[in-house]
């Protein structure tokens, strides 16, 4: 999890070889309107993927050439709010078919490792989502509480006024 300050951007990179696969998933956990700009560029600074003002996103790509692939999170649209962004980068390193023969057990171990990584990523996503929903629920509870207090005060004020008004009907008014 990283904090992207107001009017700032944070960039990261991965060195990939041709045919390597990379997936970037992200979610804004807190701050402002829970949106962020994201883009992914190849070694020649061509934009491969771009998301504008999204709260969550996933980008998968296969490297077409060797080099440094850069991905950035930008909060430059916000001048006040810092954003907390949780992100995961995972990928598959391409192994050519003519490489060393892989034993079936090793192939299964790699398959399990990939599955375990996806489960871990999903759990991290669920934790961020639960935190966000808990904050929303607590905020709603707080608003309901203060609305109830306001309604109670208005109710007592109306009751007091009605008692006073009805009492004035039964007062004897004498003209001297």
N, C-alpha and C. Protein backbone atom coordinates (compact mmCIF):
# COMPACT_ATOMS: atom_id res chain seq x y z
N UNK A 1 0.85 -1.16 0.00
CA UNK A 1 0.00 0.00 0.00
C UNK A 1 0.91 1.23 0.00
N UNK A 2 0.56 2.18 -0.84
CA UNK A 2 1.34 3.41 -0.93
C UNK A 2 0.42 4.61 -0.71
N UNK A 3 1.02 5.72 -0.32
CA UNK A 3 0.28 6.97 -0.21
C UNK A 3 0.74 7.88 -1.33
N UNK A 4 -0.21 8.33 -2.14
CA UNK A 4 0.08 9.25 -3.23
C UNK A 4 -0.41 10.63 -2.78
N UNK A 5 0.53 11.52 -2.56
CA UNK A 5 0.20 12.85 -2.06
C UNK A 5 -0.59 13.67 -3.06
N UNK A 6 -1.24 14.71 -2.57
CA UNK A 6 -2.00 15.61 -3.44
C UNK A 6 -1.05 16.25 -4.46
N UNK A 7 -1.50 16.33 -5.69
CA UNK A 7 -0.74 16.92 -6.82
C UNK A 7 0.57 16.19 -7.08
N UNK A 8 0.62 14.88 -6.81
CA UNK A 8 1.85 14.11 -7.01
C UNK A 8 1.56 12.86 -7.80
N UNK A 9 2.63 12.21 -8.22
CA UNK A 9 2.49 10.90 -8.86
C UNK A 9 3.60 9.99 -8.36
N UNK A 10 3.30 8.71 -8.34
CA UNK A 10 4.25 7.69 -7.92
C UNK A 10 4.40 6.69 -9.05
N UNK A 11 5.65 6.42 -9.44
CA UNK A 11 5.90 5.51 -10.55
C UNK A 11 6.77 4.34 -10.10
N UNK A 12 6.54 3.19 -10.71
CA UNK A 12 7.29 1.97 -10.44
C UNK A 12 7.62 1.32 -11.76
N UNK A 13 8.56 0.39 -11.75
CA UNK A 13 8.91 -0.25 -13.01
C UNK A 13 9.21 -1.72 -12.80
N UNK A 14 9.10 -2.47 -13.89
CA UNK A 14 9.45 -3.88 -13.92
C UNK A 14 10.28 -4.10 -15.19
N UNK A 15 11.38 -4.83 -15.06
CA UNK A 15 12.18 -5.21 -16.21
C UNK A 15 11.67 -6.54 -16.74
N UNK A 16 11.14 -6.52 -17.96
CA UNK A 16 10.55 -7.72 -18.55
C UNK A 16 11.30 -8.12 -19.81
N UNK A 17 11.19 -9.41 -20.13
CA UNK A 17 11.72 -9.92 -21.39
C UNK A 17 10.55 -10.19 -22.32
N UNK A 18 10.86 -10.36 -23.57
CA UNK A 18 9.82 -10.61 -24.56
C UNK A 18 8.98 -11.83 -24.15
N UNK A 19 7.67 -11.73 -24.27
CA UNK A 19 6.68 -12.76 -23.95
C UNK A 19 6.42 -12.93 -22.46
N UNK A 20 7.08 -12.16 -21.59
CA UNK A 20 6.72 -12.19 -20.17
C UNK A 20 5.35 -11.54 -20.02
N UNK A 21 4.60 -12.02 -19.05
CA UNK A 21 3.27 -11.46 -18.78
C UNK A 21 3.29 -10.75 -17.44
N UNK A 22 2.55 -9.64 -17.38
CA UNK A 22 2.47 -8.88 -16.14
C UNK A 22 1.03 -8.39 -15.97
N UNK A 23 0.55 -8.45 -14.74
CA UNK A 23 -0.78 -7.95 -14.40
C UNK A 23 -0.64 -7.02 -13.21
N UNK A 24 -1.25 -5.84 -13.32
CA UNK A 24 -1.27 -4.86 -12.24
C UNK A 24 -2.72 -4.67 -11.83
N UNK A 25 -3.02 -4.89 -10.56
CA UNK A 25 -4.35 -4.60 -10.02
C UNK A 25 -4.18 -3.57 -8.92
N UNK A 26 -5.14 -2.66 -8.82
CA UNK A 26 -5.04 -1.62 -7.80
C UNK A 26 -6.43 -1.25 -7.29
N UNK A 27 -6.45 -0.65 -6.11
CA UNK A 27 -7.68 -0.14 -5.52
C UNK A 27 -7.32 1.01 -4.59
N UNK A 28 -8.10 2.08 -4.69
CA UNK A 28 -7.91 3.23 -3.81
C UNK A 28 -8.66 2.92 -2.52
N UNK A 29 -7.94 2.91 -1.40
CA UNK A 29 -8.54 2.55 -0.12
C UNK A 29 -9.14 3.73 0.61
N UNK A 30 -8.52 4.89 0.52
CA UNK A 30 -9.04 6.06 1.22
C UNK A 30 -8.48 7.32 0.61
N UNK A 31 -9.22 8.43 0.81
CA UNK A 31 -8.76 9.73 0.35
C UNK A 31 -9.63 10.30 -0.75
N UNK A 32 -10.15 11.48 -0.51
CA UNK A 32 -10.90 12.20 -1.54
C UNK A 32 -12.10 11.42 -2.05
N UNK A 33 -12.24 11.42 -3.37
CA UNK A 33 -13.35 10.72 -4.02
C UNK A 33 -12.98 9.28 -4.37
N UNK A 34 -11.91 8.77 -3.78
CA UNK A 34 -11.44 7.39 -4.01
C UNK A 34 -11.18 7.14 -5.49
N UNK A 35 -10.53 8.09 -6.16
CA UNK A 35 -10.19 7.90 -7.57
C UNK A 35 -8.72 8.25 -7.79
N UNK A 36 -8.15 7.64 -8.81
CA UNK A 36 -6.73 7.86 -9.13
C UNK A 36 -6.53 7.65 -10.62
N UNK A 37 -5.53 8.29 -11.18
CA UNK A 37 -5.15 8.06 -12.57
C UNK A 37 -4.05 7.01 -12.61
N UNK A 38 -4.11 6.12 -13.59
CA UNK A 38 -3.13 5.04 -13.71
C UNK A 38 -2.77 4.90 -15.18
N UNK A 39 -1.47 4.66 -15.43
CA UNK A 39 -1.06 4.33 -16.80
C UNK A 39 0.14 3.41 -16.77
N UNK A 40 0.28 2.67 -17.85
CA UNK A 40 1.36 1.69 -18.01
C UNK A 40 2.02 1.98 -19.35
N UNK A 41 3.37 2.12 -19.34
CA UNK A 41 4.08 2.43 -20.58
C UNK A 41 5.13 1.36 -20.86
N UNK A 42 5.44 1.23 -22.15
CA UNK A 42 6.46 0.26 -22.57
C UNK A 42 7.84 0.94 -22.53
N UNK A 43 8.91 0.22 -22.91
CA UNK A 43 10.26 0.81 -22.84
C UNK A 43 10.45 2.05 -23.72
N UNK A 44 9.60 2.23 -24.71
CA UNK A 44 9.71 3.40 -25.58
C UNK A 44 8.73 4.50 -25.18
N UNK A 45 8.18 4.41 -23.96
CA UNK A 45 7.23 5.37 -23.40
C UNK A 45 5.92 5.47 -24.17
N UNK A 46 5.55 4.41 -24.88
CA UNK A 46 4.22 4.35 -25.49
C UNK A 46 3.24 3.85 -24.42
N UNK A 47 2.09 4.48 -24.35
CA UNK A 47 1.12 4.11 -23.33
C UNK A 47 0.41 2.82 -23.76
N UNK A 48 0.51 1.81 -22.88
CA UNK A 48 -0.14 0.52 -23.14
C UNK A 48 -1.55 0.52 -22.56
N UNK A 49 -1.70 1.06 -21.36
CA UNK A 49 -3.01 1.12 -20.69
C UNK A 49 -3.10 2.42 -19.92
N UNK A 50 -4.31 2.98 -19.87
CA UNK A 50 -4.51 4.23 -19.14
C UNK A 50 -5.91 4.22 -18.54
N UNK A 51 -6.00 4.47 -17.24
CA UNK A 51 -7.27 4.58 -16.54
C UNK A 51 -7.33 5.96 -15.90
N UNK A 52 -8.39 6.70 -16.16
CA UNK A 52 -8.54 8.05 -15.62
C UNK A 52 -9.61 8.04 -14.53
N UNK A 53 -9.25 8.54 -13.35
CA UNK A 53 -10.16 8.69 -12.22
C UNK A 53 -10.96 7.43 -11.93
N UNK A 54 -10.25 6.34 -11.73
CA UNK A 54 -10.87 5.06 -11.39
C UNK A 54 -10.54 4.72 -9.94
N UNK A 55 -11.45 4.03 -9.27
CA UNK A 55 -11.18 3.62 -7.89
C UNK A 55 -10.53 2.24 -7.85
N UNK A 56 -10.81 1.40 -8.84
CA UNK A 56 -10.18 0.08 -8.94
C UNK A 56 -9.86 -0.19 -10.40
N UNK A 57 -8.90 -1.05 -10.62
CA UNK A 57 -8.56 -1.39 -12.00
C UNK A 57 -7.61 -2.56 -12.08
N UNK A 58 -7.62 -3.19 -13.23
CA UNK A 58 -6.73 -4.30 -13.52
C UNK A 58 -6.23 -4.14 -14.94
N UNK A 59 -4.95 -4.31 -15.12
CA UNK A 59 -4.36 -4.25 -16.45
C UNK A 59 -3.43 -5.44 -16.62
N UNK A 60 -3.65 -6.20 -17.67
CA UNK A 60 -2.80 -7.35 -17.98
C UNK A 60 -2.16 -7.10 -19.33
N UNK A 61 -0.90 -7.46 -19.45
CA UNK A 61 -0.20 -7.26 -20.72
C UNK A 61 0.88 -8.30 -20.90
N UNK A 62 1.26 -8.51 -22.15
CA UNK A 62 2.36 -9.39 -22.51
C UNK A 62 3.43 -8.53 -23.16
N UNK A 63 4.65 -8.63 -22.68
CA UNK A 63 5.74 -7.81 -23.19
C UNK A 63 6.05 -8.19 -24.64
N UNK A 64 6.09 -7.19 -25.49
CA UNK A 64 6.41 -7.43 -26.89
C UNK A 64 7.90 -7.27 -27.17
N UNK A 65 8.60 -6.65 -26.23
CA UNK A 65 10.06 -6.50 -26.37
C UNK A 65 10.69 -6.41 -25.00
N UNK A 66 11.98 -6.65 -24.94
CA UNK A 66 12.71 -6.56 -23.68
C UNK A 66 12.80 -5.10 -23.26
N UNK A 67 12.79 -4.88 -21.94
CA UNK A 67 12.98 -3.51 -21.46
C UNK A 67 12.25 -3.24 -20.16
N UNK A 68 12.28 -1.98 -19.78
CA UNK A 68 11.70 -1.52 -18.52
C UNK A 68 10.29 -0.99 -18.78
N UNK A 69 9.31 -1.64 -18.18
CA UNK A 69 7.92 -1.24 -18.28
C UNK A 69 7.57 -0.47 -17.01
N UNK A 70 7.01 0.72 -17.19
CA UNK A 70 6.75 1.61 -16.07
C UNK A 70 5.25 1.79 -15.87
N UNK A 71 4.81 1.77 -14.62
CA UNK A 71 3.42 2.04 -14.31
C UNK A 71 3.37 3.11 -13.23
N UNK A 72 2.40 4.03 -13.38
CA UNK A 72 2.33 5.19 -12.49
C UNK A 72 0.92 5.38 -11.94
N UNK A 73 0.87 5.89 -10.72
CA UNK A 73 -0.37 6.30 -10.08
C UNK A 73 -0.27 7.81 -9.89
N UNK A 74 -1.24 8.53 -10.42
CA UNK A 74 -1.19 9.99 -10.35
C UNK A 74 -2.37 10.55 -9.58
N UNK A 75 -2.06 11.48 -8.68
CA UNK A 75 -3.08 12.19 -7.92
C UNK A 75 -2.98 13.68 -8.23
N UNK A 76 -2.55 14.02 -9.44
CA UNK A 76 -2.31 15.41 -9.80
C UNK A 76 -3.60 16.20 -9.97
N UNK A 77 -4.75 15.49 -10.09
CA UNK A 77 -6.02 16.20 -10.22
C UNK A 77 -6.50 16.74 -8.88
N UNK A 78 -5.96 16.23 -7.78
CA UNK A 78 -6.38 16.64 -6.44
C UNK A 78 -5.34 17.59 -5.85
N UNK A 79 -5.81 18.67 -5.27
CA UNK A 79 -4.89 19.62 -4.66
C UNK A 79 -4.89 19.54 -3.14
N UNK A 80 -5.82 18.74 -2.57
CA UNK A 80 -5.95 18.68 -1.13
C UNK A 80 -5.77 17.26 -0.58
N UNK A 81 -6.47 16.30 -1.18
CA UNK A 81 -6.58 14.97 -0.59
C UNK A 81 -5.45 14.04 -1.02
N UNK A 82 -4.82 13.39 -0.04
CA UNK A 82 -3.87 12.31 -0.32
C UNK A 82 -4.66 11.03 -0.51
N UNK A 83 -4.13 10.10 -1.30
CA UNK A 83 -4.82 8.84 -1.58
C UNK A 83 -3.97 7.68 -1.12
N UNK A 84 -4.62 6.67 -0.54
CA UNK A 84 -3.96 5.42 -0.18
C UNK A 84 -4.32 4.39 -1.25
N UNK A 85 -3.31 3.87 -1.92
CA UNK A 85 -3.54 2.93 -3.02
C UNK A 85 -2.89 1.60 -2.69
N UNK A 86 -3.69 0.56 -2.79
CA UNK A 86 -3.18 -0.81 -2.62
C UNK A 86 -3.06 -1.40 -4.02
N UNK A 87 -1.89 -1.97 -4.32
CA UNK A 87 -1.74 -2.55 -5.65
C UNK A 87 -0.89 -3.81 -5.58
N UNK A 88 -1.11 -4.67 -6.56
CA UNK A 88 -0.37 -5.92 -6.68
C UNK A 88 0.13 -6.05 -8.11
N UNK A 89 1.35 -6.52 -8.23
CA UNK A 89 1.92 -6.80 -9.54
C UNK A 89 2.30 -8.27 -9.54
N UNK A 90 1.76 -8.99 -10.48
CA UNK A 90 2.14 -10.39 -10.60
C UNK A 90 2.25 -10.73 -12.07
N UNK A 91 3.00 -11.75 -12.35
CA UNK A 91 3.21 -12.08 -13.74
C UNK A 91 3.70 -13.49 -13.92
N UNK A 92 3.87 -13.83 -15.17
CA UNK A 92 4.37 -15.14 -15.55
C UNK A 92 5.58 -14.93 -16.42
N UNK A 93 6.68 -15.52 -16.01
CA UNK A 93 7.90 -15.41 -16.80
C UNK A 93 7.83 -16.47 -17.90
N UNK A 94 7.98 -16.03 -19.12
CA UNK A 94 7.88 -16.93 -20.26
C UNK A 94 9.08 -17.87 -20.31
N UNK A 95 8.79 -19.14 -20.41
CA UNK A 95 9.85 -20.14 -20.55
C UNK A 95 9.62 -20.80 -21.91
N UNK A 96 10.57 -20.68 -22.83
CA UNK A 96 10.37 -21.27 -24.16
C UNK A 96 10.20 -22.79 -24.07
N UNK A 97 9.51 -23.34 -25.05
CA UNK A 97 9.24 -24.78 -25.08
C UNK A 97 10.53 -25.61 -25.15
N UNK A 98 11.56 -25.08 -25.80
CA UNK A 98 12.79 -25.85 -25.96
C UNK A 98 13.71 -25.73 -24.74
N UNK A 99 13.23 -25.09 -23.67
CA UNK A 99 14.03 -25.00 -22.45
C UNK A 99 14.09 -26.39 -21.81
N UNK A 100 14.82 -26.47 -20.71
CA UNK A 100 14.96 -27.76 -20.03
C UNK A 100 13.59 -28.38 -19.78
N UNK A 101 13.51 -29.67 -19.92
CA UNK A 101 12.26 -30.38 -19.69
C UNK A 101 11.90 -30.24 -18.22
N UNK A 102 10.63 -29.85 -17.96
CA UNK A 102 10.17 -29.63 -16.60
C UNK A 102 9.46 -30.88 -16.12
N UNK A 103 9.83 -31.34 -14.95
CA UNK A 103 9.20 -32.51 -14.37
C UNK A 103 7.74 -32.18 -14.05
N UNK A 104 6.85 -33.17 -14.12
CA UNK A 104 5.43 -32.92 -13.81
C UNK A 104 5.22 -32.35 -12.40
N UNK A 105 6.03 -32.79 -11.45
CA UNK A 105 5.89 -32.27 -10.08
C UNK A 105 6.23 -30.79 -10.06
N UNK A 106 7.29 -30.40 -10.75
CA UNK A 106 7.67 -28.99 -10.78
C UNK A 106 6.60 -28.15 -11.49
N UNK A 107 6.01 -28.71 -12.53
CA UNK A 107 4.94 -28.00 -13.23
C UNK A 107 3.75 -27.79 -12.28
N UNK A 108 3.40 -28.79 -11.50
CA UNK A 108 2.31 -28.68 -10.53
C UNK A 108 2.65 -27.66 -9.45
N UNK A 109 3.90 -27.65 -9.01
CA UNK A 109 4.32 -26.69 -7.98
C UNK A 109 4.19 -25.27 -8.52
N UNK A 110 4.58 -25.05 -9.75
CA UNK A 110 4.43 -23.72 -10.35
C UNK A 110 2.96 -23.34 -10.47
N UNK A 111 2.13 -24.29 -10.86
CA UNK A 111 0.70 -24.03 -10.97
C UNK A 111 0.11 -23.68 -9.61
N UNK A 112 0.50 -24.41 -8.58
CA UNK A 112 0.02 -24.10 -7.23
C UNK A 112 0.51 -22.74 -6.75
N UNK A 113 1.75 -22.41 -7.07
CA UNK A 113 2.29 -21.10 -6.68
C UNK A 113 1.51 -19.97 -7.33
N UNK A 114 1.15 -20.13 -8.59
CA UNK A 114 0.35 -19.11 -9.28
C UNK A 114 -1.02 -19.00 -8.63
N UNK A 115 -1.64 -20.14 -8.31
CA UNK A 115 -2.94 -20.13 -7.64
C UNK A 115 -2.87 -19.49 -6.27
N UNK A 116 -1.82 -19.78 -5.53
CA UNK A 116 -1.64 -19.20 -4.20
C UNK A 116 -1.48 -17.69 -4.28
N UNK A 117 -0.74 -17.23 -5.28
CA UNK A 117 -0.55 -15.79 -5.46
C UNK A 117 -1.88 -15.11 -5.76
N UNK A 118 -2.70 -15.72 -6.59
CA UNK A 118 -3.99 -15.11 -6.91
C UNK A 118 -4.89 -15.09 -5.68
N UNK A 119 -4.85 -16.12 -4.84
CA UNK A 119 -5.64 -16.13 -3.61
C UNK A 119 -5.17 -15.03 -2.67
N UNK A 120 -3.86 -14.86 -2.54
CA UNK A 120 -3.31 -13.81 -1.67
C UNK A 120 -3.73 -12.43 -2.17
N UNK A 121 -3.67 -12.22 -3.48
CA UNK A 121 -4.09 -10.94 -4.05
C UNK A 121 -5.56 -10.68 -3.78
N UNK A 122 -6.38 -11.70 -3.93
CA UNK A 122 -7.81 -11.56 -3.69
C UNK A 122 -8.09 -11.23 -2.22
N UNK A 123 -7.35 -11.84 -1.31
CA UNK A 123 -7.53 -11.55 0.11
C UNK A 123 -7.13 -10.11 0.43
N UNK A 124 -6.06 -9.63 -0.16
CA UNK A 124 -5.66 -8.24 0.06
C UNK A 124 -6.73 -7.29 -0.46
N UNK A 125 -7.30 -7.62 -1.61
CA UNK A 125 -8.38 -6.80 -2.18
C UNK A 125 -9.59 -6.80 -1.24
N UNK A 126 -9.93 -7.96 -0.69
CA UNK A 126 -11.08 -8.07 0.21
C UNK A 126 -10.84 -7.26 1.49
N UNK A 127 -9.62 -7.26 2.01
CA UNK A 127 -9.32 -6.48 3.22
C UNK A 127 -9.51 -4.99 2.95
N UNK A 128 -9.02 -4.50 1.82
CA UNK A 128 -9.17 -3.08 1.49
C UNK A 128 -10.65 -2.75 1.30
N UNK A 129 -11.37 -3.63 0.62
CA UNK A 129 -12.79 -3.40 0.38
C UNK A 129 -13.58 -3.41 1.69
N UNK A 130 -13.24 -4.32 2.60
CA UNK A 130 -13.92 -4.38 3.89
C UNK A 130 -13.66 -3.11 4.69
N UNK A 131 -12.44 -2.60 4.65
CA UNK A 131 -12.11 -1.37 5.37
C UNK A 131 -12.93 -0.20 4.82
N UNK A 132 -13.03 -0.14 3.51
CA UNK A 132 -13.78 0.94 2.88
C UNK A 132 -15.27 0.85 3.24
N UNK A 133 -15.83 -0.34 3.21
CA UNK A 133 -17.24 -0.51 3.54
C UNK A 133 -17.50 -0.25 5.02
N UNK A 134 -16.56 -0.64 5.88
CA UNK A 134 -16.71 -0.37 7.32
C UNK A 134 -16.72 1.14 7.57
N UNK A 135 -15.83 1.87 6.90
CA UNK A 135 -15.80 3.32 7.04
C UNK A 135 -17.13 3.94 6.60
N UNK A 136 -17.68 3.43 5.50
CA UNK A 136 -18.97 3.93 5.02
C UNK A 136 -20.07 3.63 6.03
N UNK A 137 -20.08 2.42 6.58
CA UNK A 137 -21.10 2.05 7.57
C UNK A 137 -20.99 2.91 8.83
N UNK A 138 -19.77 3.15 9.30
CA UNK A 138 -19.58 3.98 10.49
C UNK A 138 -20.02 5.41 10.23
N UNK A 139 -19.73 5.93 9.05
CA UNK A 139 -20.15 7.28 8.70
C UNK A 139 -21.67 7.37 8.65
N UNK A 140 -22.31 6.36 8.06
CA UNK A 140 -23.77 6.34 7.99
C UNK A 140 -24.38 6.27 9.40
N UNK A 141 -23.81 5.44 10.25
CA UNK A 141 -24.29 5.31 11.63
C UNK A 141 -24.18 6.65 12.36
N UNK A 142 -23.08 7.33 12.17
CA UNK A 142 -22.88 8.63 12.80
C UNK A 142 -23.91 9.64 12.31
N UNK A 143 -24.18 9.65 11.02
CA UNK A 143 -25.18 10.58 10.47
C UNK A 143 -26.57 10.27 11.00
N UNK A 144 -26.92 8.99 11.08
CA UNK A 144 -28.23 8.60 11.61
C UNK A 144 -28.36 9.03 13.06
N UNK A 145 -27.29 8.88 13.84
CA UNK A 145 -27.32 9.28 15.25
C UNK A 145 -27.62 10.77 15.37
N UNK A 146 -26.88 11.59 14.63
CA UNK A 146 -27.08 13.04 14.76
C UNK A 146 -28.43 13.47 14.20
N UNK A 147 -28.93 12.80 13.17
CA UNK A 147 -30.26 13.11 12.64
C UNK A 147 -31.32 12.78 13.70
N UNK A 148 -31.15 11.66 14.41
CA UNK A 148 -32.09 11.28 15.47
C UNK A 148 -32.06 12.29 16.62
N UNK A 149 -30.88 12.75 16.99
CA UNK A 149 -30.77 13.77 18.05
C UNK A 149 -31.50 15.04 17.61
N UNK A 150 -31.31 15.46 16.37
CA UNK A 150 -31.98 16.65 15.86
C UNK A 150 -33.50 16.46 15.88
N UNK A 151 -33.97 15.30 15.43
CA UNK A 151 -35.41 15.04 15.44
C UNK A 151 -35.97 15.06 16.86
N UNK A 152 -35.23 14.52 17.80
CA UNK A 152 -35.68 14.52 19.20
C UNK A 152 -35.78 15.94 19.74
N UNK A 153 -34.79 16.76 19.44
CA UNK A 153 -34.84 18.16 19.89
C UNK A 153 -36.01 18.90 19.26
N UNK A 154 -36.27 18.68 17.99
CA UNK A 154 -37.40 19.32 17.33
C UNK A 154 -38.71 18.84 17.95
N UNK A 155 -38.80 17.54 18.23
CA UNK A 155 -40.01 16.98 18.85
C UNK A 155 -40.27 17.63 20.20
N UNK A 156 -39.26 17.76 21.05
CA UNK A 156 -39.45 18.39 22.36
C UNK A 156 -39.81 19.87 22.22
N UNK A 157 -39.23 20.53 21.25
CA UNK A 157 -39.57 21.93 21.03
C UNK A 157 -41.03 22.08 20.60
N UNK A 158 -41.49 21.22 19.72
CA UNK A 158 -42.90 21.27 19.27
C UNK A 158 -43.84 20.94 20.44
N UNK A 159 -43.49 19.95 21.25
CA UNK A 159 -44.31 19.59 22.41
C UNK A 159 -44.40 20.78 23.37
N UNK A 160 -43.28 21.42 23.66
CA UNK A 160 -43.27 22.58 24.57
C UNK A 160 -44.13 23.71 24.00
N UNK A 161 -44.01 23.96 22.73
CA UNK A 161 -44.82 25.03 22.11
C UNK A 161 -46.30 24.69 22.17
N UNK A 162 -46.68 23.41 21.89
CA UNK A 162 -48.08 23.02 21.93
C UNK A 162 -48.66 23.14 23.35
N UNK A 163 -47.88 22.73 24.36
CA UNK A 163 -48.35 22.87 25.75
C UNK A 163 -48.56 24.34 26.07
N UNK A 164 -47.63 25.18 25.71
CA UNK A 164 -47.75 26.62 25.97
C UNK A 164 -48.97 27.19 25.25
N UNK A 165 -49.17 26.82 23.99
CA UNK A 165 -50.26 27.34 23.18
C UNK A 165 -51.61 26.88 23.72
N UNK A 166 -51.72 25.59 24.07
CA UNK A 166 -52.99 25.10 24.64
C UNK A 166 -53.26 25.73 26.01
N UNK A 167 -52.23 25.95 26.78
CA UNK A 167 -52.38 26.57 28.10
C UNK A 167 -52.92 27.99 27.95
N UNK A 168 -52.50 28.68 26.89
CA UNK A 168 -52.97 30.05 26.70
C UNK A 168 -54.46 30.09 26.34
N UNK A 169 -55.06 29.02 25.82
CA UNK A 169 -56.49 28.96 25.53
C UNK A 169 -57.32 28.98 26.82
N UNK A 170 -56.79 28.37 27.85
CA UNK A 170 -57.55 28.22 29.08
C UNK A 170 -57.28 29.33 30.10
N UNK A 171 -56.47 30.26 29.79
CA UNK A 171 -56.24 31.40 30.69
C UNK A 171 -57.42 32.35 30.59
N UNK A 172 -57.81 32.89 31.72
CA UNK A 172 -58.90 33.84 31.73
C UNK A 172 -58.33 35.21 31.42
N UNK A 173 -58.97 35.84 30.43
CA UNK A 173 -58.50 37.16 30.04
C UNK A 173 -59.58 38.16 30.46
N UNK A 174 -59.27 39.06 31.30
CA UNK A 174 -60.22 40.05 31.77
C UNK A 174 -59.84 41.41 31.20
N UNK A 175 -60.85 42.09 30.83
CA UNK A 175 -60.62 43.46 30.39
C UNK A 175 -61.16 44.36 31.51
N UNK A 176 -60.37 45.21 32.00
CA UNK A 176 -60.79 46.11 33.06
C UNK A 176 -61.18 47.45 32.51
